Amino acid sequence: MKILIAPDKFKGSLNANKVASTIKRGIERVVPEVEVFVCPMADGGEGTVDALIAATCGMKISSRVMGPLGNPVSSCFGILGKSQSKEKTAVIEMAAASGLHFLSGEEKNPLLTTTYGTGELIKVALDRGCRKMIVGIGGSATTDGGMGMAQALGVKFFNVEGKELGVGCGLLLKDIAKIDVSLLDERVNKTKFLVACDVDNPLCGQSGAANVYGPQKGATPTMVKELDEGLYRCAEMIKRDLGIDIKDVPGAGAAGGLGAGLKVFLGAELRSGVKIVMEAVSLKKRMKGIDLVITGEGKIDSQTAYGKTPVGVSELAKSMGIPTIAVAGQVGEGAEILKEHGIEKIYSLMDIAGSVEEAMKRTEELLEKLGKRVAEDYVK
């Protein structure tokens, strides 16, 4: 029997590679003769770099870049193992440079934060010879429409007086009067950009970046109004100067409008995060000849059906006639709907832990026990 273990991380406890290897260890303690393969997964959010590096035997590149408030921060991105793609492929999490986690509660202010450091990471990847990039855009501290990111790669923004604007941030969006892309890094046009984007919010309006996500980044109602007006202004200038109507494009509002910036300035394609990751790790190829797939993540509930790793994995396995089970830290309301997506059974740490706290504290030990249960239930 051949088993493939392809889970996401258990947030706050174990990364995806550790989750997979721990379940594998539990299975092999019961049936050491079974063939077990691991493929750490992600959906484009936090942990995507680590998962793809582990799954493809890639490497991590460290770099000092501009943080969300303009201060230097230590950051990194990944380069996939060479066998995965004809092009040298980088995987970047925007949160590694421009994420909310860099800021304390008092520092959160999307009028002042910038994606410039994300652009710097992209530039370092270009310098490293990467001509395909996967960009995860979750965890943003910014609402600058991707202005900072574009500046780091050579785009210039000017005010009505013809003066070049400073480092892009939400506050400066309303001042944009001209956009000049003539000095955009020429390597961008030779590079394919895939953006892991699982939201369909437009750039502006009630469902846009400022109104929906601004408050969680520290925006007051007054700030939200100013940011939304700034994003409208940015969209108008993009349409006038570049001929691209980005305002209502689904996903343009992701990461405070970084989705729009990546699409407009880098020609990026916005796609489902888990599908991008599945392709990057050649998951379909790995599933050939497999008898059972095990997936999972920290919490599984009705929301798992919307672009999360377990369902992406299970739907692929289902299409290939392979049964799938899932392992979770805890199972929430509505998880039964996942049977429709090919997940036959869900094992939960809460089945053997006395409390959520215990499950978080003893995750590795309990996951190994669940691995043993899976072996007892499924391995012939």
Protein backbone atom coordinates (compact mmCIF):
# COMPACT_ATOMS: atom_id res chain seq x y z
CA MET A 1 0.00 0.00 0.00
CA LYS A 2 1.16 3.51 -0.83
CA ILE A 3 0.11 6.59 1.18
CA LEU A 4 0.66 10.26 0.38
CA ILE A 5 0.49 12.75 3.26
CA ALA A 6 -0.18 16.31 1.99
CA PRO A 7 -1.32 18.60 4.83
CA ASP A 8 -1.15 22.33 5.55
CA LYS A 9 0.38 23.67 8.75
CA PHE A 10 -1.30 23.49 12.16
CA LYS A 11 -1.13 27.22 12.83
CA GLY A 12 0.58 28.08 16.09
CA SER A 13 1.87 24.54 16.56
CA LEU A 14 3.63 22.79 13.67
CA ASN A 15 4.57 23.68 10.10
CA ALA A 16 3.27 21.55 7.24
CA ASN A 17 6.46 19.52 6.90
CA LYS A 18 6.44 18.64 10.61
CA VAL A 19 2.75 17.72 10.47
CA ALA A 20 3.35 15.37 7.54
CA SER A 21 6.46 13.73 8.98
CA THR A 22 4.79 13.20 12.38
CA ILE A 23 1.76 11.46 10.87
CA LYS A 24 4.15 9.36 8.78
CA ARG A 25 6.04 8.31 11.89
CA GLY A 26 2.82 7.22 13.58
CA ILE A 27 1.76 5.11 10.60
CA GLU A 28 5.16 3.45 10.30
CA ARG A 29 5.16 2.49 13.99
CA VAL A 30 2.12 0.29 13.28
CA VAL A 31 2.93 -0.91 9.75
CA PRO A 32 6.63 -0.31 9.01
CA GLU A 33 6.36 -2.05 5.63
CA VAL A 34 3.92 0.50 4.16
CA GLU A 35 5.25 3.06 1.67
CA VAL A 36 4.54 6.58 2.96
CA PHE A 37 5.39 9.76 1.02
CA VAL A 38 5.10 13.31 2.33
CA CYS A 39 4.33 16.51 0.45
CA PRO A 40 3.93 19.61 2.67
CA MET A 41 1.21 21.90 1.34
CA ALA A 42 -0.11 25.45 1.70
CA ASP A 43 -2.78 27.69 0.19
CA GLY A 44 -0.70 30.79 -0.49
CA GLY A 45 -0.92 32.23 3.01
CA GLU A 46 1.50 32.06 5.92
CA GLY A 47 3.78 29.04 5.68
CA THR A 48 3.75 28.82 1.88
CA VAL A 49 7.47 29.49 1.54
CA ASP A 50 8.41 26.85 4.11
CA ALA A 51 6.00 24.29 2.63
CA LEU A 52 7.24 24.72 -0.93
CA ILE A 53 10.89 24.68 0.08
CA ALA A 54 10.34 21.44 2.01
CA ALA A 55 8.26 19.81 -0.74
CA THR A 56 10.71 20.62 -3.53
CA CYS A 57 14.04 20.50 -1.67
CA GLY A 58 14.44 24.20 -2.38
CA MET A 59 16.40 26.88 -0.55
CA LYS A 60 15.63 29.95 1.55
CA ILE A 61 17.19 33.33 0.73
CA SER A 62 17.51 35.95 3.46
CA SER A 63 17.46 39.69 2.78
CA ARG A 64 17.14 43.02 4.59
CA VAL A 65 14.31 45.07 3.13
CA MET A 66 12.06 47.97 4.04
CA GLY A 67 9.40 47.06 6.58
CA PRO A 68 5.82 48.32 6.51
CA LEU A 69 6.68 51.55 8.34
CA GLY A 70 9.88 52.23 6.40
CA ASN A 71 12.29 50.69 8.89
CA PRO A 72 14.63 47.87 7.78
CA VAL A 73 13.51 44.33 8.65
CA SER A 74 14.97 40.87 8.21
CA SER A 75 13.05 39.00 5.55
CA CYS A 76 13.33 36.00 3.25
CA PHE A 77 11.84 34.17 0.29
CA GLY A 78 12.25 30.72 -1.23
CA ILE A 79 13.61 29.29 -4.45
CA LEU A 80 12.08 25.99 -5.50
CA GLY A 81 14.12 22.90 -6.21
CA LYS A 82 15.35 22.94 -9.82
CA SER A 83 13.50 19.79 -10.87
CA GLN A 84 10.09 21.38 -10.32
CA SER A 85 10.12 23.86 -13.20
CA LYS A 86 12.00 24.80 -16.35
CA GLU A 87 12.24 28.35 -15.00
CA LYS A 88 14.02 29.25 -11.78
CA THR A 89 11.04 29.84 -9.51
CA ALA A 90 10.81 32.06 -6.43
CA VAL A 91 8.07 31.90 -3.83
CA ILE A 92 7.46 35.10 -1.88
CA GLU A 93 5.12 35.90 1.01
CA MET A 94 4.37 39.61 1.03
CA ALA A 95 3.85 39.37 4.78
CA ALA A 96 7.55 38.55 5.13
CA ALA A 97 8.28 42.17 4.23
CA SER A 98 5.01 44.10 4.60
CA GLY A 99 3.03 42.05 7.10
CA LEU A 100 0.84 43.11 9.97
CA HIS A 101 2.87 40.99 12.38
CA PHE A 102 5.71 43.56 12.22
CA LEU A 103 3.54 46.15 13.96
CA SER A 104 2.33 46.61 17.52
CA GLY A 105 -1.26 47.65 18.11
CA GLU A 106 -0.34 51.33 18.36
CA GLU A 107 1.69 51.21 15.14
CA LYS A 108 -1.10 49.90 12.92
CA ASN A 109 -1.99 52.65 10.46
CA PRO A 110 -2.66 51.80 6.79
CA LEU A 111 -2.27 55.45 5.85
CA LEU A 112 1.44 55.11 6.62
CA THR A 113 2.35 51.52 5.75
CA THR A 114 3.99 50.51 2.47
CA THR A 115 4.58 47.47 0.24
CA TYR A 116 8.00 48.80 -0.82
CA GLY A 117 9.78 45.92 0.93
CA THR A 118 7.72 43.38 -1.04
CA GLY A 119 8.99 45.01 -4.23
CA GLU A 120 12.53 44.75 -2.88
CA LEU A 121 12.08 41.00 -2.32
CA ILE A 122 10.89 40.65 -5.91
CA LYS A 123 13.97 42.59 -7.08
CA VAL A 124 16.31 40.30 -5.11
CA ALA A 125 14.60 37.29 -6.69
CA LEU A 126 15.11 38.84 -10.13
CA ASP A 127 18.79 39.38 -9.26
CA ARG A 128 18.97 35.68 -8.38
CA GLY A 129 17.80 34.78 -11.89
CA CYS A 130 14.22 33.83 -11.02
CA ARG A 131 11.90 34.22 -14.02
CA LYS A 132 8.80 32.76 -12.44
CA MET A 133 7.43 33.98 -9.12
CA ILE A 134 4.66 32.80 -6.85
CA VAL A 135 3.52 35.61 -4.58
CA GLY A 136 1.34 34.95 -1.52
CA ILE A 137 -0.43 38.12 -0.41
CA GLY A 138 -2.05 37.25 2.92
CA GLY A 139 -1.31 39.03 6.20
CA SER A 140 -0.88 42.52 4.77
CA ALA A 141 -0.39 45.61 6.94
CA THR A 142 -0.89 47.88 3.95
CA THR A 143 -3.47 49.68 1.84
CA ASP A 144 -1.23 51.39 -0.71
CA GLY A 145 -2.59 49.79 -3.89
CA GLY A 146 0.82 48.25 -4.53
CA MET A 147 2.33 51.71 -4.99
CA GLY A 148 5.36 50.98 -2.81
CA MET A 149 5.99 47.62 -4.47
CA ALA A 150 5.92 49.28 -7.91
CA GLN A 151 8.33 52.03 -6.82
CA ALA A 152 10.89 49.47 -5.66
CA LEU A 153 10.90 48.12 -9.21
CA GLY A 154 11.28 51.48 -10.93
CA VAL A 155 7.77 52.92 -11.35
CA LYS A 156 7.49 56.63 -10.54
CA PHE A 157 4.47 58.52 -9.21
CA PHE A 158 4.12 62.32 -9.43
CA ASN A 159 1.81 64.92 -7.88
CA VAL A 160 0.02 67.78 -9.71
CA GLU A 161 3.14 69.96 -9.40
CA GLY A 162 5.23 67.35 -11.21
CA LYS A 163 7.18 66.40 -8.09
CA GLU A 164 7.93 62.75 -7.50
CA LEU A 165 6.01 61.33 -4.55
CA GLY A 166 7.83 59.68 -1.66
CA VAL A 167 7.64 56.04 -0.62
CA GLY A 168 4.16 54.81 -1.47
CA CYS A 169 1.60 54.55 1.31
CA GLY A 170 -2.15 54.97 1.71
CA LEU A 171 -1.78 58.63 2.53
CA LEU A 172 -0.15 59.44 -0.83
CA LEU A 173 -2.67 57.69 -3.07
CA LYS A 174 -4.88 60.78 -3.31
CA ASP A 175 -1.89 62.84 -4.53
CA ILE A 176 -1.13 60.72 -7.59
CA ALA A 177 -1.43 62.85 -10.73
CA LYS A 178 0.87 60.96 -13.09
CA ILE A 179 2.33 57.45 -13.32
CA ASP A 180 5.53 56.76 -15.27
CA VAL A 181 6.48 53.13 -15.96
CA SER A 182 9.31 53.88 -18.40
CA LEU A 183 11.95 52.89 -15.84
CA LEU A 184 10.22 49.70 -14.67
CA ASP A 185 12.81 46.93 -14.28
CA GLU A 186 13.00 45.42 -17.78
CA ARG A 187 13.32 41.91 -16.33
CA VAL A 188 9.69 42.11 -15.18
CA ASN A 189 8.51 41.65 -18.77
CA LYS A 190 10.50 38.42 -19.00
CA THR A 191 9.07 37.02 -15.77
CA LYS A 192 5.81 35.18 -15.05
CA PHE A 193 4.06 36.24 -11.85
CA LEU A 194 1.38 34.09 -10.19
CA VAL A 195 -0.45 35.63 -7.25
CA ALA A 196 -2.08 33.37 -4.67
CA CYS A 197 -5.35 35.23 -4.19
CA ASP A 198 -8.46 33.63 -2.70
CA VAL A 199 -10.60 36.74 -2.26
CA ASP A 200 -12.56 38.46 -5.00
CA ASN A 201 -12.83 41.95 -3.53
CA PRO A 202 -12.57 44.82 -6.03
CA LEU A 203 -10.12 47.66 -5.41
CA CYS A 204 -12.65 50.30 -4.28
CA GLY A 205 -16.14 50.74 -2.89
CA GLN A 206 -18.09 48.99 -0.13
CA SER A 207 -16.54 45.61 -0.95
CA GLY A 208 -13.13 47.08 -1.66
CA ALA A 209 -9.77 46.94 0.08
CA ALA A 210 -10.27 49.89 2.45
CA ASN A 211 -13.82 49.19 3.60
CA VAL A 212 -13.46 45.44 4.12
CA TYR A 213 -9.90 45.07 5.37
CA GLY A 214 -8.86 48.56 6.49
CA PRO A 215 -10.28 48.32 10.04
CA GLN A 216 -8.31 45.16 10.88
CA LYS A 217 -5.16 47.03 9.86
CA GLY A 218 -5.88 49.88 12.25
CA ALA A 219 -8.02 52.18 10.10
CA THR A 220 -10.65 54.37 11.75
CA PRO A 221 -13.86 55.20 9.80
CA THR A 222 -12.26 58.50 8.73
CA MET A 223 -9.13 56.67 7.54
CA VAL A 224 -11.24 54.13 5.65
CA LYS A 225 -12.94 56.94 3.72
CA GLU A 226 -9.60 58.58 2.90
CA LEU A 227 -8.06 55.28 1.81
CA ASP A 228 -11.02 54.38 -0.40
CA GLU A 229 -10.88 57.80 -2.07
CA GLY A 230 -7.15 57.33 -2.59
CA LEU A 231 -7.64 53.92 -4.20
CA TYR A 232 -10.26 55.44 -6.52
CA ARG A 233 -7.74 58.12 -7.46
CA CYS A 234 -5.04 55.51 -8.08
CA ALA A 235 -7.40 53.49 -10.29
CA GLU A 236 -8.30 56.61 -12.30
CA MET A 237 -4.65 57.44 -12.93
CA ILE A 238 -3.87 53.83 -13.91
CA LYS A 239 -6.71 53.90 -16.43
CA ARG A 240 -5.67 57.27 -17.84
CA ASP A 241 -1.90 56.72 -18.00
CA LEU A 242 -1.66 52.96 -18.56
CA GLY A 243 -4.97 52.16 -20.22
CA ILE A 244 -5.88 49.48 -17.69
CA ASP A 245 -9.28 49.51 -15.97
CA ILE A 246 -8.47 47.79 -12.68
CA LYS A 247 -11.07 49.24 -10.31
CA ASP A 248 -13.63 46.41 -10.43
CA VAL A 249 -11.39 43.45 -11.25
CA PRO A 250 -12.06 40.59 -8.77
CA GLY A 251 -9.10 40.21 -6.41
CA ALA A 252 -7.72 43.68 -7.11
CA GLY A 253 -8.54 44.67 -3.52
CA ALA A 254 -6.55 41.80 -1.99
CA ALA A 255 -3.77 42.84 0.43
CA GLY A 256 -4.83 46.48 0.46
CA GLY A 257 -4.80 46.70 -3.33
CA LEU A 258 -1.50 44.89 -3.83
CA GLY A 259 -3.48 42.50 -6.02
CA ALA A 260 -4.18 45.44 -8.34
CA GLY A 261 -0.59 46.64 -8.24
CA LEU A 262 0.83 43.24 -9.11
CA LYS A 263 -1.61 42.80 -11.98
CA VAL A 264 -1.16 46.30 -13.41
CA PHE A 265 2.60 46.77 -13.07
CA LEU A 266 3.90 43.20 -13.28
CA GLY A 267 1.23 41.60 -15.47
CA ALA A 268 0.51 39.08 -12.73
CA GLU A 269 -2.18 36.43 -12.89
CA LEU A 270 -4.43 36.20 -9.82
CA ARG A 271 -5.29 32.57 -9.06
CA SER A 272 -6.39 30.18 -6.32
CA GLY A 273 -3.54 29.79 -3.87
CA VAL A 274 -3.89 26.09 -3.28
CA LYS A 275 -4.04 25.38 -7.01
CA ILE A 276 -0.83 27.33 -7.56
CA VAL A 277 0.88 25.34 -4.81
CA MET A 278 -0.47 22.03 -6.13
CA GLU A 279 1.07 22.78 -9.51
CA ALA A 280 4.34 23.97 -8.01
CA VAL A 281 4.86 20.70 -6.12
CA SER A 282 3.56 18.52 -9.00
CA LEU A 283 0.92 17.06 -6.71
CA LYS A 284 -0.98 15.24 -9.47
CA LYS A 285 2.20 13.46 -10.52
CA ARG A 286 2.91 12.53 -6.89
CA MET A 287 -0.58 11.01 -6.55
CA LYS A 288 -0.10 8.49 -9.36
CA GLY A 289 -0.06 4.98 -7.91
CA ILE A 290 -1.16 6.18 -4.45
CA ASP A 291 -3.81 4.17 -2.56
CA LEU A 292 -4.68 6.66 0.18
CA VAL A 293 -4.23 10.42 0.59
CA ILE A 294 -4.05 12.10 4.00
CA THR A 295 -4.46 15.86 4.21
CA GLY A 296 -5.37 18.31 6.96
CA GLU A 297 -4.87 21.62 8.74
CA GLY A 298 -5.22 23.11 12.21
CA LYS A 299 -8.98 23.66 12.06
CA ILE A 300 -11.43 22.10 9.64
CA ASP A 301 -14.96 23.46 9.29
CA SER A 302 -17.39 24.69 6.63
CA GLN A 303 -14.91 27.42 5.57
CA THR A 304 -12.39 24.76 4.55
CA ALA A 305 -14.42 24.27 1.38
CA TYR A 306 -13.50 27.78 0.20
CA GLY A 307 -10.01 27.54 -1.25
CA LYS A 308 -8.30 25.80 1.67
CA THR A 309 -5.62 23.13 1.31
CA PRO A 310 -7.57 20.03 2.45
CA VAL A 311 -10.28 20.50 -0.17
CA GLY A 312 -7.85 21.34 -2.95
CA VAL A 313 -5.98 18.11 -2.20
CA SER A 314 -9.10 15.98 -1.74
CA GLU A 315 -10.77 17.19 -4.94
CA LEU A 316 -7.68 16.28 -6.96
CA ALA A 317 -7.51 12.86 -5.28
CA LYS A 318 -11.24 12.32 -5.89
CA SER A 319 -10.79 13.06 -9.59
CA MET A 320 -8.14 10.33 -9.66
CA GLY A 321 -10.28 7.82 -7.76
CA ILE A 322 -8.13 7.94 -4.60
CA PRO A 323 -9.80 7.99 -1.15
CA THR A 324 -8.86 10.90 1.13
CA ILE A 325 -9.00 11.34 4.88
CA ALA A 326 -8.10 14.42 6.88
CA VAL A 327 -6.40 15.14 10.19
CA ALA A 328 -7.18 18.34 12.11
CA GLY A 329 -6.42 20.02 15.39
CA GLN A 330 -10.12 20.57 15.85
CA VAL A 331 -13.27 20.15 13.78
CA GLY A 332 -15.74 23.01 13.62
CA GLU A 333 -19.32 23.53 12.53
CA GLY A 334 -20.30 22.42 9.04
CA ALA A 335 -17.31 20.15 8.45
CA GLU A 336 -19.64 17.39 7.22
CA ILE A 337 -19.96 19.24 3.90
CA LEU A 338 -16.41 18.16 3.10
CA LYS A 339 -17.65 14.65 2.29
CA GLU A 340 -18.99 16.17 -0.92
CA HIS A 341 -15.44 17.21 -1.75
CA GLY A 342 -13.96 13.76 -1.28
CA ILE A 343 -12.91 13.73 2.39
CA GLU A 344 -14.22 10.42 3.76
CA LYS A 345 -13.31 10.88 7.41
CA ILE A 346 -11.75 13.51 9.68
CA TYR A 347 -9.51 12.62 12.61
CA SER A 348 -9.18 15.33 15.26
CA LEU A 349 -6.65 15.93 18.00
CA MET A 350 -9.61 16.88 20.17
CA ASP A 351 -10.74 13.24 20.02
CA ILE A 352 -7.80 12.33 22.25
CA ALA A 353 -6.97 15.65 23.93
CA GLY A 354 -8.78 16.94 26.96
CA SER A 355 -8.80 20.56 25.81
CA VAL A 356 -7.71 22.93 23.06
CA GLU A 357 -4.80 24.00 25.27
CA GLU A 358 -3.66 20.41 25.64
CA ALA A 359 -3.98 19.82 21.90
CA MET A 360 -1.84 22.91 21.19
CA LYS A 361 0.75 21.92 23.77
CA ARG A 362 1.03 18.25 22.78
CA THR A 363 0.38 18.56 19.04
CA GLU A 364 3.29 16.43 17.85
CA GLU A 365 2.68 13.63 20.34
CA LEU A 366 -1.05 13.53 19.59
CA LEU A 367 -0.56 13.68 15.83
CA GLU A 368 1.65 10.62 16.01
CA LYS A 369 -1.13 8.82 17.89
CA LEU A 370 -3.61 9.80 15.18
CA GLY A 371 -1.17 8.43 12.62
CA LYS A 372 -1.31 5.12 14.44
CA ARG A 373 -5.13 5.20 14.38
CA VAL A 374 -5.14 5.85 10.66
CA ALA A 375 -2.83 2.88 10.13
CA GLU A 376 -5.06 0.63 12.24
CA ASP A 377 -8.20 1.77 10.39
CA TYR A 378 -6.98 1.93 6.79
CA VAL A 379 -3.79 -0.01 6.20
CA LYS A 380 -4.38 -3.57 5.14
